[in-house]
Amino acid sequence: MNPQVKQKWIDALRSGEYEQAKFTLKCEYGYCCLGVLTDLYIQENDLEWVYDNKSNNYEFDGNEGSLCNYVIKWSDFPDGKVEEELIKMNDTTLKTFSEIADYIEENL
């Protein structure tokens, strides 16, 4: 993973600026851990989330629950198994952003 992006992501997860949500990258009240990474990409490239009226969630490049190719390339994100593990940590085992940041720091 790109070391600069990794550190920005870890810092953002630990910052307290993002409320944690589940099962979507971004909703009206928060983000999943992958949504935080996507938001960093969006901010850096002066882009915007798109609201989906059907799901009442936000999407970027047609993705509501997983990373899009732009974010994967920009961050040099590892293979899909890592994404699956992070989704599980965020949505199923209910790890905090701080715990997820620790995992990213140690494993990516």
C-alpha atoms as a PDB file:
ATOM      1  CA  MET A   1       0.000   0.000   0.000  1.00  0.00           C
ATOM      2  CA  ASN A   2       1.186   3.517  -0.724  1.00  0.00           C
ATOM      3  CA  PRO A   3       2.840   4.616   2.563  1.00  0.00           C
ATOM      4  CA  GLN A   4       1.594   8.223   2.393  1.00  0.00           C
ATOM      5  CA  VAL A   5      -1.998   7.184   1.727  1.00  0.00           C
ATOM      6  CA  LYS A   6      -1.777   4.512   4.419  1.00  0.00           C
ATOM      7  CA  GLN A   7      -0.685   7.084   7.008  1.00  0.00           C
ATOM      8  CA  LYS A   8      -3.417   9.553   5.967  1.00  0.00           C
ATOM      9  CA  TRP A   9      -5.973   6.748   6.309  1.00  0.00           C
ATOM     10  CA  ILE A  10      -4.714   5.685   9.727  1.00  0.00           C
ATOM     11  CA  ASP A  11      -4.697   9.302  10.900  1.00  0.00           C
ATOM     12  CA  ALA A  12      -8.237   9.863   9.589  1.00  0.00           C
ATOM     13  CA  LEU A  13      -9.541   6.726  11.309  1.00  0.00           C
ATOM     14  CA  ARG A  14      -8.014   7.848  14.612  1.00  0.00           C
ATOM     15  CA  SER A  15      -8.972  11.515  14.251  1.00  0.00           C
ATOM     16  CA  GLY A  16     -12.501  11.292  15.613  1.00  0.00           C
ATOM     17  CA  GLU A  17     -13.708  13.297  12.598  1.00  0.00           C
ATOM     18  CA  TYR A  18     -15.492  10.303  11.082  1.00  0.00           C
ATOM     19  CA  GLU A  19     -18.478   8.547  12.648  1.00  0.00           C
ATOM     20  CA  GLN A  20     -18.472   4.817  12.030  1.00  0.00           C
ATOM     21  CA  ALA A  21     -21.244   3.201   9.973  1.00  0.00           C
ATOM     22  CA  LYS A  22     -21.810  -0.351   8.765  1.00  0.00           C
ATOM     23  CA  PHE A  23     -22.759  -2.060   5.510  1.00  0.00           C
ATOM     24  CA  THR A  24     -22.085   0.923   3.249  1.00  0.00           C
ATOM     25  CA  LEU A  25     -19.181   3.186   2.354  1.00  0.00           C
ATOM     26  CA  LYS A  26     -21.099   6.283   3.457  1.00  0.00           C
ATOM     27  CA  CYS A  27     -24.548   7.031   4.806  1.00  0.00           C
ATOM     28  CA  GLU A  28     -26.157  10.106   6.323  1.00  0.00           C
ATOM     29  CA  TYR A  29     -24.492   9.568   9.706  1.00  0.00           C
ATOM     30  CA  GLY A  30     -21.126   8.007   8.959  1.00  0.00           C
ATOM     31  CA  TYR A  31     -18.636   5.930   7.013  1.00  0.00           C
ATOM     32  CA  CYS A  32     -17.240   2.435   7.071  1.00  0.00           C
ATOM     33  CA  CYS A  33     -13.457   2.137   7.212  1.00  0.00           C
ATOM     34  CA  LEU A  34     -13.280   1.782   3.412  1.00  0.00           C
ATOM     35  CA  GLY A  35     -15.550   4.799   3.079  1.00  0.00           C
ATOM     36  CA  VAL A  36     -12.976   6.846   4.985  1.00  0.00           C
ATOM     37  CA  LEU A  37     -10.308   5.812   2.472  1.00  0.00           C
ATOM     38  CA  THR A  38     -12.675   6.659  -0.389  1.00  0.00           C
ATOM     39  CA  ASP A  39     -13.436  10.027   1.205  1.00  0.00           C
ATOM     40  CA  LEU A  40      -9.719  10.838   1.345  1.00  0.00           C
ATOM     41  CA  TYR A  41      -9.472  10.111  -2.387  1.00  0.00           C
ATOM     42  CA  ILE A  42     -12.536  12.244  -3.091  1.00  0.00           C
ATOM     43  CA  GLN A  43     -11.149  15.172  -1.090  1.00  0.00           C
ATOM     44  CA  GLU A  44      -7.714  14.955  -2.699  1.00  0.00           C
ATOM     45  CA  ASN A  45      -9.236  14.979  -6.176  1.00  0.00           C
ATOM     46  CA  ASP A  46     -11.943  17.589  -5.520  1.00  0.00           C
ATOM     47  CA  LEU A  47     -14.737  15.133  -6.311  1.00  0.00           C
ATOM     48  CA  GLU A  48     -18.084  14.416  -4.624  1.00  0.00           C
ATOM     49  CA  TRP A  49     -20.106  11.530  -3.272  1.00  0.00           C
ATOM     50  CA  VAL A  50     -23.383  10.787  -5.115  1.00  0.00           C
ATOM     51  CA  TYR A  51     -26.540  10.201  -3.078  1.00  0.00           C
ATOM     52  CA  ASP A  52     -28.565   7.109  -4.054  1.00  0.00           C
ATOM     53  CA  ASN A  53     -32.273   7.658  -3.353  1.00  0.00           C
ATOM     54  CA  LYS A  54     -33.019   3.923  -3.558  1.00  0.00           C
ATOM     55  CA  SER A  55     -30.652   2.873  -0.786  1.00  0.00           C
ATOM     56  CA  ASN A  56     -30.482   6.193   1.090  1.00  0.00           C
ATOM     57  CA  ASN A  57     -26.701   5.862   1.026  1.00  0.00           C
ATOM     58  CA  TYR A  58     -23.915   7.532  -0.899  1.00  0.00           C
ATOM     59  CA  GLU A  59     -21.846   6.012  -3.649  1.00  0.00           C
ATOM     60  CA  PHE A  60     -18.718   6.826  -5.548  1.00  0.00           C
ATOM     61  CA  ASP A  61     -18.115   5.576  -9.079  1.00  0.00           C
ATOM     62  CA  GLY A  62     -21.129   3.283  -8.702  1.00  0.00           C
ATOM     63  CA  ASN A  63     -19.843   1.647  -5.510  1.00  0.00           C
ATOM     64  CA  GLU A  64     -21.713   1.729  -2.207  1.00  0.00           C
ATOM     65  CA  GLY A  65     -20.009  -1.062  -0.299  1.00  0.00           C
ATOM     66  CA  SER A  66     -16.577  -1.645  -1.772  1.00  0.00           C
ATOM     67  CA  LEU A  67     -13.611   0.245  -3.130  1.00  0.00           C
ATOM     68  CA  CYS A  68     -13.703   1.427  -6.718  1.00  0.00           C
ATOM     69  CA  ASN A  69     -10.774   0.952  -9.082  1.00  0.00           C
ATOM     70  CA  TYR A  70      -9.728   4.607  -8.813  1.00  0.00           C
ATOM     71  CA  VAL A  71      -9.244   4.337  -5.054  1.00  0.00           C
ATOM     72  CA  ILE A  72      -7.515   0.968  -5.369  1.00  0.00           C
ATOM     73  CA  LYS A  73      -4.998   2.355  -7.895  1.00  0.00           C
ATOM     74  CA  TRP A  74      -4.468   5.632  -6.012  1.00  0.00           C
ATOM     75  CA  SER A  75      -3.793   3.871  -2.713  1.00  0.00           C
ATOM     76  CA  ASP A  76      -2.044   0.836  -4.227  1.00  0.00           C
ATOM     77  CA  PHE A  77      -4.490  -1.192  -2.153  1.00  0.00           C
ATOM     78  CA  PRO A  78      -3.644  -4.890  -1.679  1.00  0.00           C
ATOM     79  CA  ASP A  79      -5.691  -7.816  -2.998  1.00  0.00           C
ATOM     80  CA  GLY A  80      -9.388  -8.407  -2.357  1.00  0.00           C
ATOM     81  CA  LYS A  81      -8.794 -10.606   0.701  1.00  0.00           C
ATOM     82  CA  VAL A  82      -7.619  -7.563   2.641  1.00  0.00           C
ATOM     83  CA  GLU A  83     -10.741  -5.643   1.636  1.00  0.00           C
ATOM     84  CA  GLU A  84     -12.891  -8.584   2.771  1.00  0.00           C
ATOM     85  CA  GLU A  85     -11.095  -8.679   6.137  1.00  0.00           C
ATOM     86  CA  LEU A  86     -11.609  -4.948   6.682  1.00  0.00           C
ATOM     87  CA  ILE A  87     -15.298  -5.213   5.777  1.00  0.00           C
ATOM     88  CA  LYS A  88     -15.646  -8.069   8.263  1.00  0.00           C
ATOM     89  CA  MET A  89     -13.874  -6.075  10.977  1.00  0.00           C
ATOM     90  CA  ASN A  90     -16.068  -3.033  10.377  1.00  0.00           C
ATOM     91  CA  ASP A  91     -19.441  -4.738   9.822  1.00  0.00           C
ATOM     92  CA  THR A  92     -19.396  -8.109  11.557  1.00  0.00           C
ATOM     93  CA  THR A  93     -16.918  -8.154  14.424  1.00  0.00           C
ATOM     94  CA  LEU A  94     -17.637  -4.456  15.098  1.00  0.00           C
ATOM     95  CA  LYS A  95     -14.063  -3.314  15.594  1.00  0.00           C
ATOM     96  CA  THR A  96     -13.659   0.392  16.284  1.00  0.00           C
ATOM     97  CA  PHE A  97     -11.914   2.682  13.824  1.00  0.00           C
ATOM     98  CA  SER A  98      -8.969   2.780  16.231  1.00  0.00           C
ATOM     99  CA  GLU A  99      -8.729  -1.026  16.238  1.00  0.00           C
ATOM    100  CA  ILE A 100      -9.006  -1.080  12.450  1.00  0.00           C
ATOM    101  CA  ALA A 101      -6.272   1.570  12.217  1.00  0.00           C
ATOM    102  CA  ASP A 102      -4.045  -0.660  14.371  1.00  0.00           C
ATOM    103  CA  TYR A 103      -4.677  -3.569  11.982  1.00  0.00           C
ATOM    104  CA  ILE A 104      -3.875  -1.422   8.932  1.00  0.00           C
ATOM    105  CA  GLU A 105      -0.711  -0.113  10.580  1.00  0.00           C
ATOM    106  CA  GLU A 106       0.525  -3.602  11.406  1.00  0.00           C
ATOM    107  CA  ASN A 107      -0.595  -5.525   8.317  1.00  0.00           C
ATOM    108  CA  LEU A 108      -0.629  -3.296   5.224  1.00  0.00           C
END
